[in-house]
Amino acid sequence: MELKIYWTDFSRNELRAIFNYYNEIVGLKTARKMVLGITNEVLKLKDQPEIGQREELLIDREQEFRYLLCKNYKVIYWVNSLEKRIEITDVFDTRQSPVKIQRNRGY
């Protein structure tokens, strides 16, 4: 069964910030390419929701968080079986301190 992809407000804002950063620094074409690459990577989860590794820094949370790597970013997600969807909760820049991954208390 194919699951739906759901982007939380926080994750959408992070994706928008990534776009704005690349648009300002290197231009529109690169910004679009980066965001499109991330969103295309996420589409793999529809058919294979368990392909991401478990996120050990979020192991204390109620949900089982996993992540996909795309360039310098971790796309953090969990499988919401009740809603039959994959919830993308964060797009985390791996060049930051790993402890900052816990900054989003919404999950």
C-alpha atoms as a PDB file:
ATOM      1  CA  MET A   1       0.000   0.000   0.000  1.00  0.00           C
ATOM      2  CA  GLU A   2       1.359   3.367  -1.010  1.00  0.00           C
ATOM      3  CA  LEU A   3       1.482   5.954   1.746  1.00  0.00           C
ATOM      4  CA  LYS A   4       0.945   9.679   1.311  1.00  0.00           C
ATOM      5  CA  ILE A   5       3.712  12.180   1.990  1.00  0.00           C
ATOM      6  CA  TYR A   6       2.855  14.888   4.508  1.00  0.00           C
ATOM      7  CA  TRP A   7       5.191  17.850   5.127  1.00  0.00           C
ATOM      8  CA  THR A   8       4.751  19.524   8.520  1.00  0.00           C
ATOM      9  CA  ASP A   9       4.832  23.303   8.746  1.00  0.00           C
ATOM     10  CA  PHE A  10       8.281  23.099  10.331  1.00  0.00           C
ATOM     11  CA  SER A  11       9.683  20.937   7.535  1.00  0.00           C
ATOM     12  CA  ARG A  12       8.147  23.159   4.844  1.00  0.00           C
ATOM     13  CA  ASN A  13       9.722  26.204   6.489  1.00  0.00           C
ATOM     14  CA  GLU A  14      13.114  24.476   6.566  1.00  0.00           C
ATOM     15  CA  LEU A  15      12.797  23.568   2.883  1.00  0.00           C
ATOM     16  CA  ARG A  16      11.850  27.169   2.092  1.00  0.00           C
ATOM     17  CA  ALA A  17      14.882  28.413   4.057  1.00  0.00           C
ATOM     18  CA  ILE A  18      17.126  26.066   2.050  1.00  0.00           C
ATOM     19  CA  PHE A  19      15.654  27.416  -1.183  1.00  0.00           C
ATOM     20  CA  ASN A  20      16.108  31.033  -0.070  1.00  0.00           C
ATOM     21  CA  TYR A  21      19.694  30.410   0.996  1.00  0.00           C
ATOM     22  CA  TYR A  22      20.743  28.825  -2.299  1.00  0.00           C
ATOM     23  CA  ASN A  23      18.778  31.383  -4.299  1.00  0.00           C
ATOM     24  CA  GLU A  24      20.631  34.213  -2.573  1.00  0.00           C
ATOM     25  CA  ILE A  25      24.091  32.625  -2.629  1.00  0.00           C
ATOM     26  CA  VAL A  26      24.279  30.837  -5.991  1.00  0.00           C
ATOM     27  CA  GLY A  27      21.054  31.580  -7.851  1.00  0.00           C
ATOM     28  CA  LEU A  28      17.582  30.430  -8.709  1.00  0.00           C
ATOM     29  CA  LYS A  29      18.574  27.449 -10.868  1.00  0.00           C
ATOM     30  CA  THR A  30      20.671  25.868  -8.113  1.00  0.00           C
ATOM     31  CA  ALA A  31      18.044  26.630  -5.454  1.00  0.00           C
ATOM     32  CA  ARG A  32      15.365  24.875  -7.501  1.00  0.00           C
ATOM     33  CA  LYS A  33      17.658  21.934  -8.210  1.00  0.00           C
ATOM     34  CA  MET A  34      18.480  21.493  -4.516  1.00  0.00           C
ATOM     35  CA  VAL A  35      14.850  21.594  -3.344  1.00  0.00           C
ATOM     36  CA  LEU A  36      13.700  19.370  -6.202  1.00  0.00           C
ATOM     37  CA  GLY A  37      16.418  16.852  -5.322  1.00  0.00           C
ATOM     38  CA  ILE A  38      15.234  16.721  -1.715  1.00  0.00           C
ATOM     39  CA  THR A  39      11.551  16.382  -2.604  1.00  0.00           C
ATOM     40  CA  ASN A  40      12.278  13.686  -5.210  1.00  0.00           C
ATOM     41  CA  GLU A  41      14.296  11.718  -2.665  1.00  0.00           C
ATOM     42  CA  VAL A  42      11.312  11.803  -0.305  1.00  0.00           C
ATOM     43  CA  LEU A  43       9.052  10.253  -2.966  1.00  0.00           C
ATOM     44  CA  LYS A  44      10.950   6.969  -2.532  1.00  0.00           C
ATOM     45  CA  LEU A  45       9.321   6.658   0.875  1.00  0.00           C
ATOM     46  CA  LYS A  46       5.847   6.175  -0.597  1.00  0.00           C
ATOM     47  CA  ASP A  47       6.631   2.594  -1.575  1.00  0.00           C
ATOM     48  CA  GLN A  48       9.498   1.890   0.829  1.00  0.00           C
ATOM     49  CA  PRO A  49       8.861   3.763   4.090  1.00  0.00           C
ATOM     50  CA  GLU A  50      11.441   1.782   6.041  1.00  0.00           C
ATOM     51  CA  ILE A  51      14.447   2.561   3.808  1.00  0.00           C
ATOM     52  CA  GLY A  52      15.657   5.360   6.047  1.00  0.00           C
ATOM     53  CA  GLN A  53      17.942   4.679   8.980  1.00  0.00           C
ATOM     54  CA  ARG A  54      16.690   5.227  12.519  1.00  0.00           C
ATOM     55  CA  GLU A  55      17.647   8.606  13.910  1.00  0.00           C
ATOM     56  CA  GLU A  56      19.517   7.772  17.100  1.00  0.00           C
ATOM     57  CA  LEU A  57      19.434  11.367  18.350  1.00  0.00           C
ATOM     58  CA  LEU A  58      15.626  11.195  18.499  1.00  0.00           C
ATOM     59  CA  ILE A  59      15.360   7.735  20.034  1.00  0.00           C
ATOM     60  CA  ASP A  60      13.737   9.161  23.180  1.00  0.00           C
ATOM     61  CA  ARG A  61      10.662  10.327  21.234  1.00  0.00           C
ATOM     62  CA  GLU A  62       7.366   8.473  21.088  1.00  0.00           C
ATOM     63  CA  GLN A  63       7.555   7.975  17.309  1.00  0.00           C
ATOM     64  CA  GLU A  64      10.275   5.997  15.572  1.00  0.00           C
ATOM     65  CA  PHE A  65      12.063   8.661  13.575  1.00  0.00           C
ATOM     66  CA  ARG A  66      14.064   7.773  10.517  1.00  0.00           C
ATOM     67  CA  TYR A  67      16.001   9.809   8.014  1.00  0.00           C
ATOM     68  CA  LEU A  68      17.086   9.904   4.397  1.00  0.00           C
ATOM     69  CA  LEU A  69      20.276  11.642   3.356  1.00  0.00           C
ATOM     70  CA  CYS A  70      20.134  14.031   0.447  1.00  0.00           C
ATOM     71  CA  LYS A  71      23.305  16.038  -0.179  1.00  0.00           C
ATOM     72  CA  ASN A  72      24.067  17.775   3.149  1.00  0.00           C
ATOM     73  CA  TYR A  73      20.575  17.285   4.535  1.00  0.00           C
ATOM     74  CA  LYS A  74      18.801  14.714   6.661  1.00  0.00           C
ATOM     75  CA  VAL A  75      15.120  14.447   5.860  1.00  0.00           C
ATOM     76  CA  ILE A  76      13.622  13.391   9.197  1.00  0.00           C
ATOM     77  CA  TYR A  77      10.350  11.455   9.064  1.00  0.00           C
ATOM     78  CA  TRP A  78       8.158   8.896  10.777  1.00  0.00           C
ATOM     79  CA  VAL A  79       5.465   6.557   9.506  1.00  0.00           C
ATOM     80  CA  ASN A  80       2.029   7.510  10.802  1.00  0.00           C
ATOM     81  CA  SER A  81       0.142   4.247  10.307  1.00  0.00           C
ATOM     82  CA  LEU A  82      -3.145   5.616  11.638  1.00  0.00           C
ATOM     83  CA  GLU A  83      -3.230   8.382   9.020  1.00  0.00           C
ATOM     84  CA  LYS A  84      -1.571   6.178   6.365  1.00  0.00           C
ATOM     85  CA  ARG A  85       1.084   8.739   5.674  1.00  0.00           C
ATOM     86  CA  ILE A  86       4.744   9.529   6.058  1.00  0.00           C
ATOM     87  CA  GLU A  87       5.246  12.686   8.064  1.00  0.00           C
ATOM     88  CA  ILE A  88       8.276  14.728   7.105  1.00  0.00           C
ATOM     89  CA  THR A  89       9.103  16.627  10.286  1.00  0.00           C
ATOM     90  CA  ASP A  90      12.422  18.283   9.470  1.00  0.00           C
ATOM     91  CA  VAL A  91      15.048  18.882   6.817  1.00  0.00           C
ATOM     92  CA  PHE A  92      18.207  19.133   8.885  1.00  0.00           C
ATOM     93  CA  ASP A  93      21.506  20.515   7.610  1.00  0.00           C
ATOM     94  CA  THR A  94      24.127  17.968   8.697  1.00  0.00           C
ATOM     95  CA  ARG A  95      26.807  20.657   8.811  1.00  0.00           C
ATOM     96  CA  GLN A  96      25.231  21.900  12.041  1.00  0.00           C
ATOM     97  CA  SER A  97      25.927  20.483  15.469  1.00  0.00           C
ATOM     98  CA  PRO A  98      24.083  17.133  15.676  1.00  0.00           C
ATOM     99  CA  VAL A  99      22.512  18.151  18.993  1.00  0.00           C
ATOM    100  CA  LYS A 100      20.507  20.824  17.155  1.00  0.00           C
ATOM    101  CA  ILE A 101      18.446  18.068  15.570  1.00  0.00           C
ATOM    102  CA  GLN A 102      16.368  18.122  18.744  1.00  0.00           C
ATOM    103  CA  ARG A 103      15.408  21.775  18.216  1.00  0.00           C
ATOM    104  CA  ASN A 104      11.962  20.942  16.876  1.00  0.00           C
ATOM    105  CA  ARG A 105       9.885  20.069  19.929  1.00  0.00           C
ATOM    106  CA  GLY A 106       6.813  19.655  17.713  1.00  0.00           C
ATOM    107  CA  TYR A 107       7.754  16.003  17.288  1.00  0.00           C
END
